Amino acid sequence: MKTTLMIKGMSCEHCAAHVKEALEAIAGVSSVQVSLTEKNAMVEHGDLVAPEALKAAVNEAGYEAA
């Protein structure tokens, strides 16, 4: 599955890397691409990964996911 999250609060490449690390830490996530210019993250994951879990990981990292 693919999920695209809009992310608020990223202002630099370090922020984007922090978001990527948070999402990659979730079991079942196979690929993460974070775009600072588009303010989003595209996540490829297994069927058992809920979008709410992805959003929670971003929120816990200090950013706002929608």
PDB file of N, CA and C in Angstrom:
ATOM      1  N   MET A   1       0.837  -1.178   0.000  1.00  0.00           N
ATOM      2  CA  MET A   1       0.000   0.000   0.000  1.00  0.00           C
ATOM      3  C   MET A   1       0.880   1.239   0.000  1.00  0.00           C
ATOM      4  N   LYS A   2       0.322   2.336  -0.489  1.00  0.00           N
ATOM      5  CA  LYS A   2       1.008   3.621  -0.458  1.00  0.00           C
ATOM      6  C   LYS A   2       0.108   4.627   0.251  1.00  0.00           C
ATOM      7  N   THR A   3       0.719   5.390   1.128  1.00  0.00           N
ATOM      8  CA  THR A   3       0.004   6.450   1.832  1.00  0.00           C
ATOM      9  C   THR A   3       0.812   7.734   1.696  1.00  0.00           C
ATOM     10  N   THR A   4       0.142   8.824   1.368  1.00  0.00           N
ATOM     11  CA  THR A   4       0.796  10.127   1.312  1.00  0.00           C
ATOM     12  C   THR A   4       0.277  10.961   2.473  1.00  0.00           C
ATOM     13  N   LEU A   5       1.215  11.476   3.257  1.00  0.00           N
ATOM     14  CA  LEU A   5       0.873  12.321   4.397  1.00  0.00           C
ATOM     15  C   LEU A   5       1.322  13.749   4.116  1.00  0.00           C
ATOM     16  N   MET A   6       0.470  14.704   4.380  1.00  0.00           N
ATOM     17  CA  MET A   6       0.868  16.104   4.348  1.00  0.00           C
ATOM     18  C   MET A   6       1.449  16.418   5.722  1.00  0.00           C
ATOM     19  N   ILE A   7       2.586  17.109   5.746  1.00  0.00           N
ATOM     20  CA  ILE A   7       3.278  17.339   7.004  1.00  0.00           C
ATOM     21  C   ILE A   7       3.548  18.824   7.201  1.00  0.00           C
ATOM     22  N   LYS A   8       3.127  19.331   8.349  1.00  0.00           N
ATOM     23  CA  LYS A   8       3.373  20.719   8.714  1.00  0.00           C
ATOM     24  C   LYS A   8       4.506  20.774   9.731  1.00  0.00           C
ATOM     25  N   GLY A   9       5.323  21.816   9.633  1.00  0.00           N
ATOM     26  CA  GLY A   9       6.363  22.031  10.625  1.00  0.00           C
ATOM     27  C   GLY A   9       7.769  21.738  10.145  1.00  0.00           C
ATOM     28  N   MET A  10       7.919  21.174   8.947  1.00  0.00           N
ATOM     29  CA  MET A  10       9.266  20.922   8.426  1.00  0.00           C
ATOM     30  C   MET A  10       9.814  22.212   7.821  1.00  0.00           C
ATOM     31  N   SER A  11      11.045  22.577   8.215  1.00  0.00           N
ATOM     32  CA  SER A  11      11.616  23.814   7.687  1.00  0.00           C
ATOM     33  C   SER A  11      13.001  23.615   7.066  1.00  0.00           C
ATOM     34  N   CYS A  12      13.578  22.411   7.206  1.00  0.00           N
ATOM     35  CA  CYS A  12      14.915  22.169   6.666  1.00  0.00           C
ATOM     36  C   CYS A  12      15.086  20.683   6.356  1.00  0.00           C
ATOM     37  N   GLU A  13      16.213  20.349   5.739  1.00  0.00           N
ATOM     38  CA  GLU A  13      16.488  18.953   5.393  1.00  0.00           C
ATOM     39  C   GLU A  13      16.621  18.085   6.642  1.00  0.00           C
ATOM     40  N   HIS A  14      17.097  18.667   7.737  1.00  0.00           N
ATOM     41  CA  HIS A  14      17.189  17.913   8.988  1.00  0.00           C
ATOM     42  C   HIS A  14      15.794  17.500   9.452  1.00  0.00           C
ATOM     43  N   CYS A  15      14.823  18.395   9.321  1.00  0.00           N
ATOM     44  CA  CYS A  15      13.434  18.075   9.680  1.00  0.00           C
ATOM     45  C   CYS A  15      12.927  16.916   8.830  1.00  0.00           C
ATOM     46  N   ALA A  16      13.185  16.985   7.531  1.00  0.00           N
ATOM     47  CA  ALA A  16      12.737  15.931   6.620  1.00  0.00           C
ATOM     48  C   ALA A  16      13.383  14.594   6.992  1.00  0.00           C
ATOM     49  N   ALA A  17      14.656  14.619   7.349  1.00  0.00           N
ATOM     50  CA  ALA A  17      15.346  13.394   7.749  1.00  0.00           C
ATOM     51  C   ALA A  17      14.757  12.835   9.042  1.00  0.00           C
ATOM     52  N   HIS A  18      14.394  13.712   9.962  1.00  0.00           N
ATOM     53  CA  HIS A  18      13.795  13.289  11.224  1.00  0.00           C
ATOM     54  C   HIS A  18      12.453  12.603  10.978  1.00  0.00           C
ATOM     55  N   VAL A  19      11.643  13.158  10.098  1.00  0.00           N
ATOM     56  CA  VAL A  19      10.353  12.566   9.738  1.00  0.00           C
ATOM     57  C   VAL A  19      10.578  11.199   9.072  1.00  0.00           C
ATOM     58  N   LYS A  20      11.542  11.131   8.166  1.00  0.00           N
ATOM     59  CA  LYS A  20      11.834   9.870   7.469  1.00  0.00           C
ATOM     60  C   LYS A  20      12.237   8.792   8.467  1.00  0.00           C
ATOM     61  N   GLU A  21      13.106   9.124   9.405  1.00  0.00           N
ATOM     62  CA  GLU A  21      13.547   8.159  10.414  1.00  0.00           C
ATOM     63  C   GLU A  21      12.370   7.665  11.256  1.00  0.00           C
ATOM     64  N   ALA A  22      11.493   8.586  11.638  1.00  0.00           N
ATOM     65  CA  ALA A  22      10.338   8.210  12.464  1.00  0.00           C
ATOM     66  C   ALA A  22       9.432   7.232  11.723  1.00  0.00           C
ATOM     67  N   LEU A  23       9.216   7.472  10.442  1.00  0.00           N
ATOM     68  CA  LEU A  23       8.344   6.601   9.659  1.00  0.00           C
ATOM     69  C   LEU A  23       9.003   5.257   9.362  1.00  0.00           C
ATOM     70  N   GLU A  24      10.301   5.269   9.091  1.00  0.00           N
ATOM     71  CA  GLU A  24      11.010   4.017   8.789  1.00  0.00           C
ATOM     72  C   GLU A  24      11.085   3.099  10.009  1.00  0.00           C
ATOM     73  N   ALA A  25      10.939   3.659  11.193  1.00  0.00           N
ATOM     74  CA  ALA A  25      11.012   2.866  12.423  1.00  0.00           C
ATOM     75  C   ALA A  25       9.762   2.014  12.642  1.00  0.00           C
ATOM     76  N   ILE A  26       8.710   2.254  11.884  1.00  0.00           N
ATOM     77  CA  ILE A  26       7.467   1.502  12.040  1.00  0.00           C
ATOM     78  C   ILE A  26       7.589   0.154  11.329  1.00  0.00           C
ATOM     79  N   ALA A  27       7.286  -0.913  12.056  1.00  0.00           N
ATOM     80  CA  ALA A  27       7.316  -2.252  11.466  1.00  0.00           C
ATOM     81  C   ALA A  27       6.309  -2.323  10.323  1.00  0.00           C
ATOM     82  N   GLY A  28       6.747  -2.844   9.183  1.00  0.00           N
ATOM     83  CA  GLY A  28       5.870  -2.977   8.028  1.00  0.00           C
ATOM     84  C   GLY A  28       6.065  -1.896   6.988  1.00  0.00           C
ATOM     85  N   VAL A  29       6.830  -0.850   7.327  1.00  0.00           N
ATOM     86  CA  VAL A  29       7.116   0.214   6.367  1.00  0.00           C
ATOM     87  C   VAL A  29       8.317  -0.215   5.532  1.00  0.00           C
ATOM     88  N   SER A  30       8.156  -0.189   4.206  1.00  0.00           N
ATOM     89  CA  SER A  30       9.233  -0.649   3.329  1.00  0.00           C
ATOM     90  C   SER A  30       9.981   0.489   2.645  1.00  0.00           C
ATOM     91  N   SER A  31       9.333   1.653   2.490  1.00  0.00           N
ATOM     92  CA  SER A  31       9.979   2.762   1.797  1.00  0.00           C
ATOM     93  C   SER A  31       9.349   4.081   2.239  1.00  0.00           C
ATOM     94  N   VAL A  32      10.199   5.108   2.396  1.00  0.00           N
ATOM     95  CA  VAL A  32       9.713   6.443   2.764  1.00  0.00           C
ATOM     96  C   VAL A  32      10.440   7.468   1.915  1.00  0.00           C
ATOM     97  N   GLN A  33       9.676   8.367   1.297  1.00  0.00           N
ATOM     98  CA  GLN A  33      10.241   9.499   0.570  1.00  0.00           C
ATOM     99  C   GLN A  33       9.611  10.754   1.139  1.00  0.00           C
ATOM    100  N   VAL A  34      10.448  11.652   1.659  1.00  0.00           N
ATOM    101  CA  VAL A  34       9.963  12.888   2.257  1.00  0.00           C
ATOM    102  C   VAL A  34      10.387  14.044   1.365  1.00  0.00           C
ATOM    103  N   SER A  35       9.426  14.919   1.049  1.00  0.00           N
ATOM    104  CA  SER A  35       9.704  16.097   0.234  1.00  0.00           C
ATOM    105  C   SER A  35       9.508  17.349   1.076  1.00  0.00           C
ATOM    106  N   LEU A  36      10.610  18.076   1.270  1.00  0.00           N
ATOM    107  CA  LEU A  36      10.538  19.326   2.020  1.00  0.00           C
ATOM    108  C   LEU A  36       9.760  20.376   1.233  1.00  0.00           C
ATOM    109  N   THR A  37       9.967  20.443  -0.093  1.00  0.00           N
ATOM    110  CA  THR A  37       9.288  21.446  -0.914  1.00  0.00           C
ATOM    111  C   THR A  37       7.793  21.178  -1.031  1.00  0.00           C
ATOM    112  N   GLU A  38       7.425  19.895  -1.114  1.00  0.00           N
ATOM    113  CA  GLU A  38       6.006  19.540  -1.228  1.00  0.00           C
ATOM    114  C   GLU A  38       5.336  19.411   0.146  1.00  0.00           C
ATOM    115  N   LYS A  39       6.138  19.396   1.196  1.00  0.00           N
ATOM    116  CA  LYS A  39       5.640  19.251   2.571  1.00  0.00           C
ATOM    117  C   LYS A  39       4.837  17.962   2.736  1.00  0.00           C
ATOM    118  N   ASN A  40       5.404  16.854   2.185  1.00  0.00           N
ATOM    119  CA  ASN A  40       4.696  15.581   2.318  1.00  0.00           C
ATOM    120  C   ASN A  40       5.666  14.420   2.478  1.00  0.00           C
ATOM    121  N   ALA A  41       5.098  13.277   2.806  1.00  0.00           N
ATOM    122  CA  ALA A  41       5.849  12.029   2.874  1.00  0.00           C
ATOM    123  C   ALA A  41       5.041  10.963   2.166  1.00  0.00           C
ATOM    124  N   MET A  42       5.696  10.220   1.277  1.00  0.00           N
ATOM    125  CA  MET A  42       5.056   9.101   0.603  1.00  0.00           C
ATOM    126  C   MET A  42       5.621   7.825   1.223  1.00  0.00           C
ATOM    127  N   VAL A  43       4.731   7.013   1.770  1.00  0.00           N
ATOM    128  CA  VAL A  43       5.139   5.832   2.529  1.00  0.00           C
ATOM    129  C   VAL A  43       4.573   4.580   1.869  1.00  0.00           C
ATOM    130  N   GLU A  44       5.444   3.624   1.581  1.00  0.00           N
ATOM    131  CA  GLU A  44       5.011   2.309   1.112  1.00  0.00           C
ATOM    132  C   GLU A  44       5.061   1.380   2.311  1.00  0.00           C
ATOM    133  N   HIS A  45       3.964   0.642   2.504  1.00  0.00           N
ATOM    134  CA  HIS A  45       3.870  -0.204   3.692  1.00  0.00           C
ATOM    135  C   HIS A  45       2.949  -1.378   3.461  1.00  0.00           C
ATOM    136  N   GLY A  46       3.034  -2.328   4.369  1.00  0.00           N
ATOM    137  CA  GLY A  46       2.169  -3.496   4.314  1.00  0.00           C
ATOM    138  C   GLY A  46       0.742  -3.157   4.719  1.00  0.00           C
ATOM    139  N   ASP A  47      -0.154  -4.095   4.445  1.00  0.00           N
ATOM    140  CA  ASP A  47      -1.575  -3.887   4.714  1.00  0.00           C
ATOM    141  C   ASP A  47      -1.891  -3.719   6.197  1.00  0.00           C
ATOM    142  N   LEU A  48      -1.040  -4.223   7.069  1.00  0.00           N
ATOM    143  CA  LEU A  48      -1.316  -4.168   8.501  1.00  0.00           C
ATOM    144  C   LEU A  48      -0.925  -2.836   9.141  1.00  0.00           C
ATOM    145  N   VAL A  49      -0.267  -1.955   8.384  1.00  0.00           N
ATOM    146  CA  VAL A  49       0.129  -0.653   8.921  1.00  0.00           C
ATOM    147  C   VAL A  49      -1.023   0.330   8.715  1.00  0.00           C
ATOM    148  N   ALA A  50      -1.555   0.834   9.819  1.00  0.00           N
ATOM    149  CA  ALA A  50      -2.676   1.780   9.747  1.00  0.00           C
ATOM    150  C   ALA A  50      -2.157   3.197   9.498  1.00  0.00           C
ATOM    151  N   PRO A  51      -2.860   3.975   8.670  1.00  0.00           N
ATOM    152  CA  PRO A  51      -2.465   5.367   8.459  1.00  0.00           C
ATOM    153  C   PRO A  51      -2.371   6.155   9.775  1.00  0.00           C
ATOM    154  N   GLU A  52      -3.194   5.779  10.745  1.00  0.00           N
ATOM    155  CA  GLU A  52      -3.155   6.465  12.040  1.00  0.00           C
ATOM    156  C   GLU A  52      -1.807   6.248  12.725  1.00  0.00           C
ATOM    157  N   ALA A  53      -1.198   5.078  12.535  1.00  0.00           N
ATOM    158  CA  ALA A  53       0.116   4.791  13.119  1.00  0.00           C
ATOM    159  C   ALA A  53       1.187   5.665  12.464  1.00  0.00           C
ATOM    160  N   LEU A  54       1.061   5.882  11.170  1.00  0.00           N
ATOM    161  CA  LEU A  54       2.008   6.742  10.464  1.00  0.00           C
ATOM    162  C   LEU A  54       1.893   8.176  10.967  1.00  0.00           C
ATOM    163  N   LYS A  55       0.667   8.654  11.092  1.00  0.00           N
ATOM    164  CA  LYS A  55       0.442  10.009  11.588  1.00  0.00           C
ATOM    165  C   LYS A  55       0.952  10.169  13.010  1.00  0.00           C
ATOM    166  N   ALA A  56       0.727   9.166  13.839  1.00  0.00           N
ATOM    167  CA  ALA A  56       1.178   9.222  15.234  1.00  0.00           C
ATOM    168  C   ALA A  56       2.693   9.309  15.305  1.00  0.00           C
ATOM    169  N   ALA A  57       3.406   8.571  14.461  1.00  0.00           N
ATOM    170  CA  ALA A  57       4.867   8.607  14.462  1.00  0.00           C
ATOM    171  C   ALA A  57       5.382   9.988  14.089  1.00  0.00           C
ATOM    172  N   VAL A  58       4.749  10.611  13.104  1.00  0.00           N
ATOM    173  CA  VAL A  58       5.148  11.963  12.697  1.00  0.00           C
ATOM    174  C   VAL A  58       4.861  12.958  13.824  1.00  0.00           C
ATOM    175  N   ASN A  59       3.699  12.835  14.426  1.00  0.00           N
ATOM    176  CA  ASN A  59       3.333  13.730  15.525  1.00  0.00           C
ATOM    177  C   ASN A  59       4.279  13.585  16.701  1.00  0.00           C
ATOM    178  N   GLU A  60       4.649  12.345  17.021  1.00  0.00           N
ATOM    179  CA  GLU A  60       5.584  12.092  18.128  1.00  0.00           C
ATOM    180  C   GLU A  60       6.965  12.657  17.829  1.00  0.00           C
ATOM    181  N   ALA A  61       7.313  12.764  16.545  1.00  0.00           N
ATOM    182  CA  ALA A  61       8.602  13.337  16.151  1.00  0.00           C
ATOM    183  C   ALA A  61       8.593  14.854  16.223  1.00  0.00           C
ATOM    184  N   GLY A  62       7.424  15.445  16.491  1.00  0.00           N
ATOM    185  CA  GLY A  62       7.347  16.898  16.664  1.00  0.00           C
ATOM    186  C   GLY A  62       6.782  17.663  15.485  1.00  0.00           C
ATOM    187  N   TYR A  63       6.167  16.958  14.559  1.00  0.00           N
ATOM    188  CA  TYR A  63       5.578  17.590  13.372  1.00  0.00           C
ATOM    189  C   TYR A  63       4.096  17.245  13.328  1.00  0.00           C
ATOM    190  N   GLU A  64       3.367  17.873  12.414  1.00  0.00           N
ATOM    191  CA  GLU A  64       1.923  17.631  12.333  1.00  0.00           C
ATOM    192  C   GLU A  64       1.589  16.969  11.006  1.00  0.00           C
ATOM    193  N   ALA A  65       1.036  15.765  11.080  1.00  0.00           N
ATOM    194  CA  ALA A  65       0.683  15.006   9.882  1.00  0.00           C
ATOM    195  C   ALA A  65      -0.820  15.012   9.662  1.00  0.00           C
ATOM    196  N   ALA A  66      -1.194  15.117   8.388  1.00  0.00           N
ATOM    197  CA  ALA A  66      -2.617  15.076   8.029  1.00  0.00           C
ATOM    198  C   ALA A  66      -2.797  14.160   6.833  1.00  0.00           C
TER     199      ALA A  66
END
